[in-house]
Amino acid sequence: MKPIYFVLMMMMAALPIFADVWADRPLRALTLQERHVIIDKGTERPFSGQYDMFFKEGIYTCKQCGAPLYRSEDKFDSGCGWPAFDDEITGAIKRISDSDGQRTEILCAQCGAHLGHVFEGEALTPKNIRHCVNSISLEFEPKAVQSPIKKAYFAGGCFWGVEYYLEQQPGVIEAVTGYMGGHTKNPTYKEVSYTNTGHVETVEVTYDASKVDFETLARLFFEIHDPTQQNGQGPDIGAQYRSVIFYSNEEEKKTVEKLIALLRAKGFDVATKLRAATPFYKAEAYHQDYYEHKGKQPCCHGYVKRF
């Protein structure tokens, strides 16, 4: 009975470490080879693991529980034959003294899976630390490939003219007239024009970022209308004709702020407002591609070089 009692006691002692993890997520079934390293704390042969000389962008996760452990930007070639990292995702790694009494073992903080060992003082990178990890203890999740198709939102007077010029820009897939910035859901042209919806006549530009960038579109916008005119554009006067760029992220915001600063340095008293994007409502069908259907040129907009 002694051996059984001993095993039971060891299992009960381990429960507090893993109980929360078992309750939150199922652990992955391991192969015999994976168990040898992850559970029995074995070591794979040097230069044999799939992630030794592997440097794609992404995240390395725990083979057993899937918890994120390391970022690709912290991986380096140490020449040791195992994946090496000089930093970890905060809170992802647990350190304990190795059974040899000399090294420091590293474990997945979530499930306790054996990863390898950590070494300091080798001066291999500026951080002066090396997580020496078994490939078999890891899974790699590649960085998501972002679609080059993006959207941008510009308001500069009557949306017919803004749409016309922006749609001519190479790299633009489509320009759509509509309304943005107000408080009325699904507004009509009549409501925007004659009631206080708060909306501005806006053009949604769908573009291929691999062919044209946001700054190019923003520069064009400032050159196809008068960004110094207050509360309207040309003969179109009213809050719905304001000059506004609706930004979707901080990068776009900083780009517009830079362009406005450049224009002001040139002496332009820019009236264009910068606002965070809100829901865009497509305008009625007869407002789409207006000048194309009419076979005319814009009467309220024209190109003037300002940069």
C-alpha atoms as a PDB file:
ATOM      1  CA  MET A   1       0.000   0.000   0.000  1.00  0.00           C
ATOM      2  CA  LYS A   2       2.932   2.306   0.576  1.00  0.00           C
ATOM      3  CA  PRO A   3       3.679   3.031  -3.108  1.00  0.00           C
ATOM      4  CA  ILE A   4      -0.013   3.749  -3.855  1.00  0.00           C
ATOM      5  CA  TYR A   5      -0.279   6.015  -0.830  1.00  0.00           C
ATOM      6  CA  PHE A   6       2.847   7.870  -1.944  1.00  0.00           C
ATOM      7  CA  VAL A   7       1.492   8.404  -5.487  1.00  0.00           C
ATOM      8  CA  LEU A   8      -1.834   9.666  -4.137  1.00  0.00           C
ATOM      9  CA  MET A   9      -0.097  12.104  -1.832  1.00  0.00           C
ATOM     10  CA  MET A  10       2.013  13.418  -4.716  1.00  0.00           C
ATOM     11  CA  MET A  11      -1.086  13.897  -6.888  1.00  0.00           C
ATOM     12  CA  MET A  12      -2.916  15.742  -4.127  1.00  0.00           C
ATOM     13  CA  ALA A  13       0.078  17.991  -3.581  1.00  0.00           C
ATOM     14  CA  ALA A  14       0.073  18.952  -7.267  1.00  0.00           C
ATOM     15  CA  LEU A  15      -3.642  19.757  -7.396  1.00  0.00           C
ATOM     16  CA  PRO A  16      -3.462  23.289  -5.981  1.00  0.00           C
ATOM     17  CA  ILE A  17      -1.001  24.250  -8.710  1.00  0.00           C
ATOM     18  CA  PHE A  18      -3.189  23.135 -11.595  1.00  0.00           C
ATOM     19  CA  ALA A  19      -6.750  23.134 -10.206  1.00  0.00           C
ATOM     20  CA  ASP A  20      -7.641  26.568 -11.556  1.00  0.00           C
ATOM     21  CA  VAL A  21      -6.267  25.742 -14.980  1.00  0.00           C
ATOM     22  CA  TRP A  22      -8.135  22.459 -15.227  1.00  0.00           C
ATOM     23  CA  ALA A  23     -11.318  24.278 -14.289  1.00  0.00           C
ATOM     24  CA  ASP A  24     -10.811  26.997 -16.926  1.00  0.00           C
ATOM     25  CA  ARG A  25      -9.493  25.140 -19.943  1.00  0.00           C
ATOM     26  CA  PRO A  26      -8.905  21.570 -21.104  1.00  0.00           C
ATOM     27  CA  LEU A  27      -5.279  20.491 -21.403  1.00  0.00           C
ATOM     28  CA  ARG A  28      -4.155  19.171 -24.744  1.00  0.00           C
ATOM     29  CA  ALA A  29      -3.524  15.445 -25.074  1.00  0.00           C
ATOM     30  CA  LEU A  30       0.221  14.874 -25.449  1.00  0.00           C
ATOM     31  CA  THR A  31       2.194  12.351 -27.440  1.00  0.00           C
ATOM     32  CA  LEU A  32       4.740  10.168 -25.657  1.00  0.00           C
ATOM     33  CA  GLN A  33       7.569  12.368 -26.935  1.00  0.00           C
ATOM     34  CA  GLU A  34       5.805  15.533 -25.776  1.00  0.00           C
ATOM     35  CA  ARG A  35       5.118  13.992 -22.362  1.00  0.00           C
ATOM     36  CA  HIS A  36       8.786  13.100 -22.011  1.00  0.00           C
ATOM     37  CA  VAL A  37       9.705  16.799 -22.175  1.00  0.00           C
ATOM     38  CA  ILE A  38       6.626  18.622 -20.879  1.00  0.00           C
ATOM     39  CA  ILE A  39       5.666  16.308 -18.013  1.00  0.00           C
ATOM     40  CA  ASP A  40       8.809  14.310 -17.282  1.00  0.00           C
ATOM     41  CA  LYS A  41      11.108  17.338 -17.759  1.00  0.00           C
ATOM     42  CA  GLY A  42      13.206  15.738 -20.476  1.00  0.00           C
ATOM     43  CA  THR A  43      15.214  17.606 -23.120  1.00  0.00           C
ATOM     44  CA  GLU A  44      14.998  17.320 -26.887  1.00  0.00           C
ATOM     45  CA  ARG A  45      18.235  16.901 -28.829  1.00  0.00           C
ATOM     46  CA  PRO A  46      19.940  20.205 -29.773  1.00  0.00           C
ATOM     47  CA  PHE A  47      19.341  21.492 -33.321  1.00  0.00           C
ATOM     48  CA  SER A  48      16.462  19.007 -33.740  1.00  0.00           C
ATOM     49  CA  GLY A  49      13.478  21.199 -32.819  1.00  0.00           C
ATOM     50  CA  GLN A  50      11.328  22.904 -35.449  1.00  0.00           C
ATOM     51  CA  TYR A  51      11.640  26.352 -33.830  1.00  0.00           C
ATOM     52  CA  ASP A  52      15.424  26.446 -33.387  1.00  0.00           C
ATOM     53  CA  MET A  53      16.164  28.509 -36.523  1.00  0.00           C
ATOM     54  CA  PHE A  54      12.623  29.764 -37.001  1.00  0.00           C
ATOM     55  CA  PHE A  55      12.013  33.533 -37.088  1.00  0.00           C
ATOM     56  CA  LYS A  56       8.544  34.248 -38.420  1.00  0.00           C
ATOM     57  CA  GLU A  57       6.398  36.954 -36.791  1.00  0.00           C
ATOM     58  CA  GLY A  58       3.894  35.765 -34.224  1.00  0.00           C
ATOM     59  CA  ILE A  59       3.383  34.411 -30.714  1.00  0.00           C
ATOM     60  CA  TYR A  60       4.742  31.238 -29.118  1.00  0.00           C
ATOM     61  CA  THR A  61       2.218  29.501 -26.878  1.00  0.00           C
ATOM     62  CA  CYS A  62       2.302  26.581 -24.452  1.00  0.00           C
ATOM     63  CA  LYS A  63       1.904  23.208 -26.207  1.00  0.00           C
ATOM     64  CA  GLN A  64      -0.143  21.855 -23.303  1.00  0.00           C
ATOM     65  CA  CYS A  65      -2.586  24.661 -22.415  1.00  0.00           C
ATOM     66  CA  GLY A  66      -2.235  27.246 -25.198  1.00  0.00           C
ATOM     67  CA  ALA A  67      -1.228  30.155 -22.952  1.00  0.00           C
ATOM     68  CA  PRO A  68       0.872  32.862 -24.724  1.00  0.00           C
ATOM     69  CA  LEU A  69       4.504  32.651 -23.571  1.00  0.00           C
ATOM     70  CA  TYR A  70       6.870  34.509 -25.917  1.00  0.00           C
ATOM     71  CA  ARG A  71       6.790  37.073 -28.723  1.00  0.00           C
ATOM     72  CA  SER A  72       8.742  36.564 -31.945  1.00  0.00           C
ATOM     73  CA  GLU A  73      10.532  39.909 -31.547  1.00  0.00           C
ATOM     74  CA  ASP A  74      12.210  38.565 -28.392  1.00  0.00           C
ATOM     75  CA  LYS A  75      13.603  35.468 -30.127  1.00  0.00           C
ATOM     76  CA  PHE A  76      17.258  35.337 -31.177  1.00  0.00           C
ATOM     77  CA  ASP A  77      19.823  32.895 -32.491  1.00  0.00           C
ATOM     78  CA  SER A  78      21.960  31.893 -29.521  1.00  0.00           C
ATOM     79  CA  GLY A  79      23.729  29.085 -31.360  1.00  0.00           C
ATOM     80  CA  CYS A  80      22.850  26.665 -28.572  1.00  0.00           C
ATOM     81  CA  GLY A  81      20.551  24.451 -30.657  1.00  0.00           C
ATOM     82  CA  TRP A  82      17.296  25.332 -28.900  1.00  0.00           C
ATOM     83  CA  PRO A  83      14.908  28.275 -29.332  1.00  0.00           C
ATOM     84  CA  ALA A  84      16.196  31.243 -27.323  1.00  0.00           C
ATOM     85  CA  PHE A  85      14.294  34.288 -26.052  1.00  0.00           C
ATOM     86  CA  ASP A  86      15.586  37.265 -24.086  1.00  0.00           C
ATOM     87  CA  ASP A  87      12.173  38.245 -22.728  1.00  0.00           C
ATOM     88  CA  GLU A  88       8.809  36.732 -21.884  1.00  0.00           C
ATOM     89  CA  ILE A  89       5.183  37.806 -21.950  1.00  0.00           C
ATOM     90  CA  THR A  90       4.501  39.327 -18.542  1.00  0.00           C
ATOM     91  CA  GLY A  91       3.333  36.732 -16.039  1.00  0.00           C
ATOM     92  CA  ALA A  92       3.658  33.841 -18.493  1.00  0.00           C
ATOM     93  CA  ILE A  93       6.698  32.090 -17.035  1.00  0.00           C
ATOM     94  CA  LYS A  94       7.277  30.500 -13.620  1.00  0.00           C
ATOM     95  CA  ARG A  95      10.821  29.918 -12.329  1.00  0.00           C
ATOM     96  CA  ILE A  96      11.879  27.202  -9.888  1.00  0.00           C
ATOM     97  CA  SER A  97      15.213  25.752  -8.830  1.00  0.00           C
ATOM     98  CA  ASP A  98      16.170  22.800 -10.993  1.00  0.00           C
ATOM     99  CA  SER A  99      16.630  19.366  -9.442  1.00  0.00           C
ATOM    100  CA  ASP A 100      20.360  19.615 -10.171  1.00  0.00           C
ATOM    101  CA  GLY A 101      20.536  22.478  -7.660  1.00  0.00           C
ATOM    102  CA  GLN A 102      22.403  24.704 -10.124  1.00  0.00           C
ATOM    103  CA  ARG A 103      20.104  25.765 -12.939  1.00  0.00           C
ATOM    104  CA  THR A 104      16.741  27.564 -12.954  1.00  0.00           C
ATOM    105  CA  GLU A 105      13.881  25.688 -14.585  1.00  0.00           C
ATOM    106  CA  ILE A 106      11.172  27.588 -16.441  1.00  0.00           C
ATOM    107  CA  LEU A 107       7.552  26.426 -16.524  1.00  0.00           C
ATOM    108  CA  CYS A 108       4.329  27.653 -18.090  1.00  0.00           C
ATOM    109  CA  ALA A 109       2.777  29.706 -15.299  1.00  0.00           C
ATOM    110  CA  GLN A 110      -0.695  28.565 -16.360  1.00  0.00           C
ATOM    111  CA  CYS A 111      -0.340  24.799 -16.437  1.00  0.00           C
ATOM    112  CA  GLY A 112       3.151  24.011 -15.123  1.00  0.00           C
ATOM    113  CA  ALA A 113       4.420  22.507 -18.396  1.00  0.00           C
ATOM    114  CA  HIS A 114       8.204  22.173 -18.471  1.00  0.00           C
ATOM    115  CA  LEU A 115       9.724  24.559 -21.018  1.00  0.00           C
ATOM    116  CA  GLY A 116      13.466  24.486 -20.394  1.00  0.00           C
ATOM    117  CA  HIS A 117      15.883  26.643 -18.395  1.00  0.00           C
ATOM    118  CA  VAL A 118      16.775  30.314 -18.062  1.00  0.00           C
ATOM    119  CA  PHE A 119      20.333  31.664 -17.975  1.00  0.00           C
ATOM    120  CA  GLU A 120      21.662  35.120 -17.128  1.00  0.00           C
ATOM    121  CA  GLY A 121      25.005  36.858 -17.521  1.00  0.00           C
ATOM    122  CA  GLU A 122      25.903  35.447 -20.938  1.00  0.00           C
ATOM    123  CA  ALA A 123      25.826  38.879 -22.638  1.00  0.00           C
ATOM    124  CA  LEU A 124      24.231  37.421 -25.788  1.00  0.00           C
ATOM    125  CA  THR A 125      21.753  40.310 -26.079  1.00  0.00           C
ATOM    126  CA  PRO A 126      21.437  43.709 -24.364  1.00  0.00           C
ATOM    127  CA  LYS A 127      18.901  42.180 -21.959  1.00  0.00           C
ATOM    128  CA  ASN A 128      21.561  39.673 -20.858  1.00  0.00           C
ATOM    129  CA  ILE A 129      19.130  36.787 -20.417  1.00  0.00           C
ATOM    130  CA  ARG A 130      18.412  33.598 -22.348  1.00  0.00           C
ATOM    131  CA  HIS A 131      15.309  31.467 -22.057  1.00  0.00           C
ATOM    132  CA  CYS A 132      16.455  28.146 -23.505  1.00  0.00           C
ATOM    133  CA  VAL A 133      13.220  26.427 -24.521  1.00  0.00           C
ATOM    134  CA  ASN A 134      12.384  23.052 -26.034  1.00  0.00           C
ATOM    135  CA  SER A 135      10.606  23.419 -29.369  1.00  0.00           C
ATOM    136  CA  ILE A 136       8.339  20.549 -28.442  1.00  0.00           C
ATOM    137  CA  SER A 137       6.969  22.581 -25.506  1.00  0.00           C
ATOM    138  CA  LEU A 138       5.784  25.319 -27.865  1.00  0.00           C
ATOM    139  CA  GLU A 139       3.185  26.037 -30.514  1.00  0.00           C
ATOM    140  CA  PHE A 140       3.587  28.954 -32.916  1.00  0.00           C
ATOM    141  CA  GLU A 141       0.712  31.248 -33.860  1.00  0.00           C
ATOM    142  CA  PRO A 142       1.634  33.403 -36.877  1.00  0.00           C
ATOM    143  CA  LYS A 143       0.871  37.094 -36.882  1.00  0.00           C
ATOM    144  CA  ALA A 144      -2.471  37.732 -38.520  1.00  0.00           C
ATOM    145  CA  VAL A 145      -2.113  39.012 -42.064  1.00  0.00           C
ATOM    146  CA  GLN A 146      -3.865  42.341 -42.277  1.00  0.00           C
ATOM    147  CA  SER A 147      -5.987  43.031 -45.313  1.00  0.00           C
ATOM    148  CA  PRO A 148      -4.666  45.913 -47.440  1.00  0.00           C
ATOM    149  CA  ILE A 149      -8.262  47.047 -48.018  1.00  0.00           C
ATOM    150  CA  LYS A 150      -9.041  50.015 -45.757  1.00  0.00           C
ATOM    151  CA  LYS A 151     -11.596  52.798 -45.421  1.00  0.00           C
ATOM    152  CA  ALA A 152     -11.228  56.540 -44.881  1.00  0.00           C
ATOM    153  CA  TYR A 153     -13.828  59.263 -44.315  1.00  0.00           C
ATOM    154  CA  PHE A 154     -13.734  62.819 -45.689  1.00  0.00           C
ATOM    155  CA  ALA A 155     -16.288  65.650 -45.577  1.00  0.00           C
ATOM    156  CA  GLY A 156     -15.690  68.843 -47.546  1.00  0.00           C
ATOM    157  CA  GLY A 157     -18.897  70.479 -48.708  1.00  0.00           C
ATOM    158  CA  CYS A 158     -21.267  68.845 -51.184  1.00  0.00           C
ATOM    159  CA  PHE A 159     -20.324  65.175 -51.228  1.00  0.00           C
ATOM    160  CA  TRP A 160     -20.775  64.903 -54.983  1.00  0.00           C
ATOM    161  CA  GLY A 161     -17.533  66.767 -55.710  1.00  0.00           C
ATOM    162  CA  VAL A 162     -15.511  65.107 -52.946  1.00  0.00           C
ATOM    163  CA  GLU A 163     -16.589  61.708 -54.202  1.00  0.00           C
ATOM    164  CA  TYR A 164     -15.743  62.618 -57.809  1.00  0.00           C
ATOM    165  CA  TYR A 165     -12.147  63.635 -57.142  1.00  0.00           C
ATOM    166  CA  LEU A 166     -11.262  60.993 -54.564  1.00  0.00           C
ATOM    167  CA  GLU A 167     -12.571  58.261 -56.848  1.00  0.00           C
ATOM    168  CA  GLN A 168     -10.047  59.336 -59.525  1.00  0.00           C
ATOM    169  CA  GLN A 169      -7.095  58.550 -57.263  1.00  0.00           C
ATOM    170  CA  PRO A 170      -5.237  55.349 -58.291  1.00  0.00           C
ATOM    171  CA  GLY A 171      -5.571  52.759 -55.548  1.00  0.00           C
ATOM    172  CA  VAL A 172      -9.089  53.851 -54.591  1.00  0.00           C
ATOM    173  CA  ILE A 173     -11.533  51.006 -55.074  1.00  0.00           C
ATOM    174  CA  GLU A 174     -14.735  52.901 -54.396  1.00  0.00           C
ATOM    175  CA  ALA A 175     -15.994  56.226 -53.061  1.00  0.00           C
ATOM    176  CA  VAL A 176     -19.493  56.325 -51.572  1.00  0.00           C
ATOM    177  CA  THR A 177     -21.506  59.358 -50.497  1.00  0.00           C
ATOM    178  CA  GLY A 178     -23.246  59.340 -47.140  1.00  0.00           C
ATOM    179  CA  TYR A 179     -23.633  60.900 -43.726  1.00  0.00           C
ATOM    180  CA  MET A 180     -21.516  60.797 -40.581  1.00  0.00           C
ATOM    181  CA  GLY A 181     -20.962  62.531 -37.267  1.00  0.00           C
ATOM    182  CA  GLY A 182     -24.555  63.024 -36.130  1.00  0.00           C
ATOM    183  CA  HIS A 183     -26.994  61.465 -33.697  1.00  0.00           C
ATOM    184  CA  THR A 184     -29.792  60.325 -36.032  1.00  0.00           C
ATOM    185  CA  LYS A 185     -29.746  56.710 -37.186  1.00  0.00           C
ATOM    186  CA  ASN A 186     -30.282  56.043 -40.891  1.00  0.00           C
ATOM    187  CA  PRO A 187     -30.856  59.695 -41.782  1.00  0.00           C
ATOM    188  CA  THR A 188     -32.299  60.799 -45.092  1.00  0.00           C
ATOM    189  CA  TYR A 189     -30.927  63.598 -47.249  1.00  0.00           C
ATOM    190  CA  LYS A 190     -33.940  65.724 -46.342  1.00  0.00           C
ATOM    191  CA  GLU A 191     -33.360  65.207 -42.612  1.00  0.00           C
ATOM    192  CA  VAL A 192     -29.660  66.054 -42.868  1.00  0.00           C
ATOM    193  CA  SER A 193     -30.402  69.138 -44.956  1.00  0.00           C
ATOM    194  CA  TYR A 194     -33.358  70.574 -43.068  1.00  0.00           C
ATOM    195  CA  THR A 195     -33.289  69.229 -39.501  1.00  0.00           C
ATOM    196  CA  ASN A 196     -30.694  69.126 -36.759  1.00  0.00           C
ATOM    197  CA  THR A 197     -29.302  65.599 -37.215  1.00  0.00           C
ATOM    198  CA  GLY A 198     -25.711  66.691 -36.557  1.00  0.00           C
ATOM    199  CA  HIS A 199     -24.540  64.764 -39.625  1.00  0.00           C
ATOM    200  CA  VAL A 200     -22.094  66.014 -42.245  1.00  0.00           C
ATOM    201  CA  GLU A 201     -22.170  65.064 -45.904  1.00  0.00           C
ATOM    202  CA  THR A 202     -19.304  62.563 -45.967  1.00  0.00           C
ATOM    203  CA  VAL A 203     -17.539  60.341 -48.483  1.00  0.00           C
ATOM    204  CA  GLU A 204     -16.445  56.825 -47.487  1.00  0.00           C
ATOM    205  CA  VAL A 205     -13.332  55.890 -49.450  1.00  0.00           C
ATOM    206  CA  THR A 206     -12.436  52.215 -49.802  1.00  0.00           C
ATOM    207  CA  TYR A 207      -8.828  51.881 -50.904  1.00  0.00           C
ATOM    208  CA  ASP A 208      -6.016  49.390 -51.362  1.00  0.00           C
ATOM    209  CA  ALA A 209      -3.299  50.400 -48.880  1.00  0.00           C
ATOM    210  CA  SER A 210      -0.717  48.487 -50.916  1.00  0.00           C
ATOM    211  CA  LYS A 211      -1.288  50.978 -53.759  1.00  0.00           C
ATOM    212  CA  VAL A 212      -2.134  54.244 -52.005  1.00  0.00           C
ATOM    213  CA  ASP A 213      -1.762  55.327 -48.385  1.00  0.00           C
ATOM    214  CA  PHE A 214      -3.997  57.389 -46.121  1.00  0.00           C
ATOM    215  CA  GLU A 215      -1.698  60.418 -46.220  1.00  0.00           C
ATOM    216  CA  THR A 216      -1.932  60.616 -50.013  1.00  0.00           C
ATOM    217  CA  LEU A 217      -5.725  60.609 -49.785  1.00  0.00           C
ATOM    218  CA  ALA A 218      -5.724  63.234 -47.035  1.00  0.00           C
ATOM    219  CA  ARG A 219      -3.375  65.485 -49.032  1.00  0.00           C
ATOM    220  CA  LEU A 220      -5.659  65.169 -52.059  1.00  0.00           C
ATOM    221  CA  PHE A 221      -8.676  66.022 -49.897  1.00  0.00           C
ATOM    222  CA  PHE A 222      -7.040  69.268 -48.759  1.00  0.00           C
ATOM    223  CA  GLU A 223      -6.348  70.153 -52.401  1.00  0.00           C
ATOM    224  CA  ILE A 224      -9.813  69.519 -53.875  1.00  0.00           C
ATOM    225  CA  HIS A 225     -11.737  71.855 -51.560  1.00  0.00           C
ATOM    226  CA  ASP A 226     -11.053  75.063 -49.634  1.00  0.00           C
ATOM    227  CA  PRO A 227     -10.007  73.897 -46.144  1.00  0.00           C
ATOM    228  CA  THR A 228     -10.059  77.488 -44.854  1.00  0.00           C
ATOM    229  CA  GLN A 229     -13.781  78.093 -45.409  1.00  0.00           C
ATOM    230  CA  GLN A 230     -15.874  78.039 -42.262  1.00  0.00           C
ATOM    231  CA  ASN A 231     -19.250  76.277 -42.016  1.00  0.00           C
ATOM    232  CA  GLY A 232     -19.611  75.355 -45.656  1.00  0.00           C
ATOM    233  CA  GLN A 233     -17.939  75.001 -49.009  1.00  0.00           C
ATOM    234  CA  GLY A 234     -18.377  77.369 -51.925  1.00  0.00           C
ATOM    235  CA  PRO A 235     -22.051  78.294 -52.254  1.00  0.00           C
ATOM    236  CA  ASP A 236     -23.132  75.447 -49.964  1.00  0.00           C
ATOM    237  CA  ILE A 237     -23.435  76.960 -46.509  1.00  0.00           C
ATOM    238  CA  GLY A 238     -24.512  75.057 -43.405  1.00  0.00           C
ATOM    239  CA  ALA A 239     -23.286  72.662 -40.724  1.00  0.00           C
ATOM    240  CA  GLN A 240     -23.834  69.660 -43.009  1.00  0.00           C
ATOM    241  CA  TYR A 241     -21.210  71.079 -45.407  1.00  0.00           C
ATOM    242  CA  ARG A 242     -18.390  71.499 -42.861  1.00  0.00           C
ATOM    243  CA  SER A 243     -14.850  70.421 -43.651  1.00  0.00           C
ATOM    244  CA  VAL A 244     -14.128  67.371 -41.498  1.00  0.00           C
ATOM    245  CA  ILE A 245     -11.818  64.383 -41.570  1.00  0.00           C
ATOM    246  CA  PHE A 246     -13.097  61.463 -39.507  1.00  0.00           C
ATOM    247  CA  TYR A 247     -10.158  59.374 -38.289  1.00  0.00           C
ATOM    248  CA  SER A 248     -10.377  55.650 -37.497  1.00  0.00           C
ATOM    249  CA  ASN A 249      -7.168  55.308 -35.468  1.00  0.00           C
ATOM    250  CA  GLU A 250      -4.390  57.320 -33.830  1.00  0.00           C
ATOM    251  CA  GLU A 251      -2.114  56.930 -36.844  1.00  0.00           C
ATOM    252  CA  GLU A 252      -4.652  58.627 -39.105  1.00  0.00           C
ATOM    253  CA  LYS A 253      -5.210  61.347 -36.502  1.00  0.00           C
ATOM    254  CA  LYS A 254      -1.486  62.126 -36.284  1.00  0.00           C
ATOM    255  CA  THR A 255      -1.212  62.178 -40.080  1.00  0.00           C
ATOM    256  CA  VAL A 256      -3.986  64.755 -40.392  1.00  0.00           C
ATOM    257  CA  GLU A 257      -2.537  66.862 -37.557  1.00  0.00           C
ATOM    258  CA  LYS A 258       0.799  66.878 -39.402  1.00  0.00           C
ATOM    259  CA  LEU A 259      -0.822  67.988 -42.668  1.00  0.00           C
ATOM    260  CA  ILE A 260      -2.826  70.742 -40.963  1.00  0.00           C
ATOM    261  CA  ALA A 261       0.368  71.995 -39.312  1.00  0.00           C
ATOM    262  CA  LEU A 262       2.100  72.053 -42.717  1.00  0.00           C
ATOM    263  CA  LEU A 263      -0.740  74.044 -44.256  1.00  0.00           C
ATOM    264  CA  ARG A 264      -0.816  76.529 -41.380  1.00  0.00           C
ATOM    265  CA  ALA A 265       2.946  76.987 -41.720  1.00  0.00           C
ATOM    266  CA  LYS A 266       2.258  77.960 -45.352  1.00  0.00           C
ATOM    267  CA  GLY A 267      -0.229  80.596 -44.190  1.00  0.00           C
ATOM    268  CA  PHE A 268      -3.518  78.700 -44.609  1.00  0.00           C
ATOM    269  CA  ASP A 269      -5.978  79.313 -41.775  1.00  0.00           C
ATOM    270  CA  VAL A 270      -7.295  75.741 -41.796  1.00  0.00           C
ATOM    271  CA  ALA A 271     -10.885  75.325 -40.643  1.00  0.00           C
ATOM    272  CA  THR A 272     -11.012  71.547 -41.180  1.00  0.00           C
ATOM    273  CA  LYS A 273     -12.066  69.696 -38.045  1.00  0.00           C
ATOM    274  CA  LEU A 274     -10.659  66.379 -36.899  1.00  0.00           C
ATOM    275  CA  ARG A 275     -13.204  63.975 -35.408  1.00  0.00           C
ATOM    276  CA  ALA A 276     -13.263  60.313 -34.417  1.00  0.00           C
ATOM    277  CA  ALA A 277     -15.207  58.208 -36.899  1.00  0.00           C
ATOM    278  CA  THR A 278     -18.776  57.295 -35.994  1.00  0.00           C
ATOM    279  CA  PRO A 279     -21.264  55.088 -37.901  1.00  0.00           C
ATOM    280  CA  PHE A 280     -21.424  55.921 -41.597  1.00  0.00           C
ATOM    281  CA  TYR A 281     -24.819  55.930 -43.306  1.00  0.00           C
ATOM    282  CA  LYS A 282     -24.866  55.519 -47.066  1.00  0.00           C
ATOM    283  CA  ALA A 283     -26.800  58.200 -48.948  1.00  0.00           C
ATOM    284  CA  GLU A 284     -29.674  57.548 -51.307  1.00  0.00           C
ATOM    285  CA  ALA A 285     -28.921  55.887 -54.649  1.00  0.00           C
ATOM    286  CA  TYR A 286     -29.395  59.069 -56.687  1.00  0.00           C
ATOM    287  CA  HIS A 287     -26.480  60.678 -54.773  1.00  0.00           C
ATOM    288  CA  GLN A 288     -24.007  57.959 -55.789  1.00  0.00           C
ATOM    289  CA  ASP A 289     -21.605  58.791 -58.673  1.00  0.00           C
ATOM    290  CA  TYR A 290     -23.708  61.885 -59.322  1.00  0.00           C
ATOM    291  CA  TYR A 291     -21.397  63.658 -61.780  1.00  0.00           C
ATOM    292  CA  GLU A 292     -20.628  60.447 -63.635  1.00  0.00           C
ATOM    293  CA  HIS A 293     -24.307  59.837 -64.254  1.00  0.00           C
ATOM    294  CA  LYS A 294     -24.924  63.470 -65.217  1.00  0.00           C
ATOM    295  CA  GLY A 295     -21.870  63.624 -67.473  1.00  0.00           C
ATOM    296  CA  LYS A 296     -20.763  66.871 -65.832  1.00  0.00           C
ATOM    297  CA  GLN A 297     -17.788  68.261 -63.919  1.00  0.00           C
ATOM    298  CA  PRO A 298     -17.984  69.342 -60.248  1.00  0.00           C
ATOM    299  CA  CYS A 299     -19.048  72.960 -59.855  1.00  0.00           C
ATOM    300  CA  CYS A 300     -18.119  73.442 -56.162  1.00  0.00           C
ATOM    301  CA  HIS A 301     -14.768  71.641 -56.125  1.00  0.00           C
ATOM    302  CA  GLY A 302     -11.538  71.789 -58.081  1.00  0.00           C
ATOM    303  CA  TYR A 303      -7.915  70.855 -57.677  1.00  0.00           C
ATOM    304  CA  VAL A 304      -5.551  73.468 -56.194  1.00  0.00           C
ATOM    305  CA  LYS A 305      -2.008  72.448 -55.249  1.00  0.00           C
ATOM    306  CA  ARG A 306      -1.366  73.385 -51.610  1.00  0.00           C
ATOM    307  CA  PHE A 307       1.514  71.135 -50.542  1.00  0.00           C
END
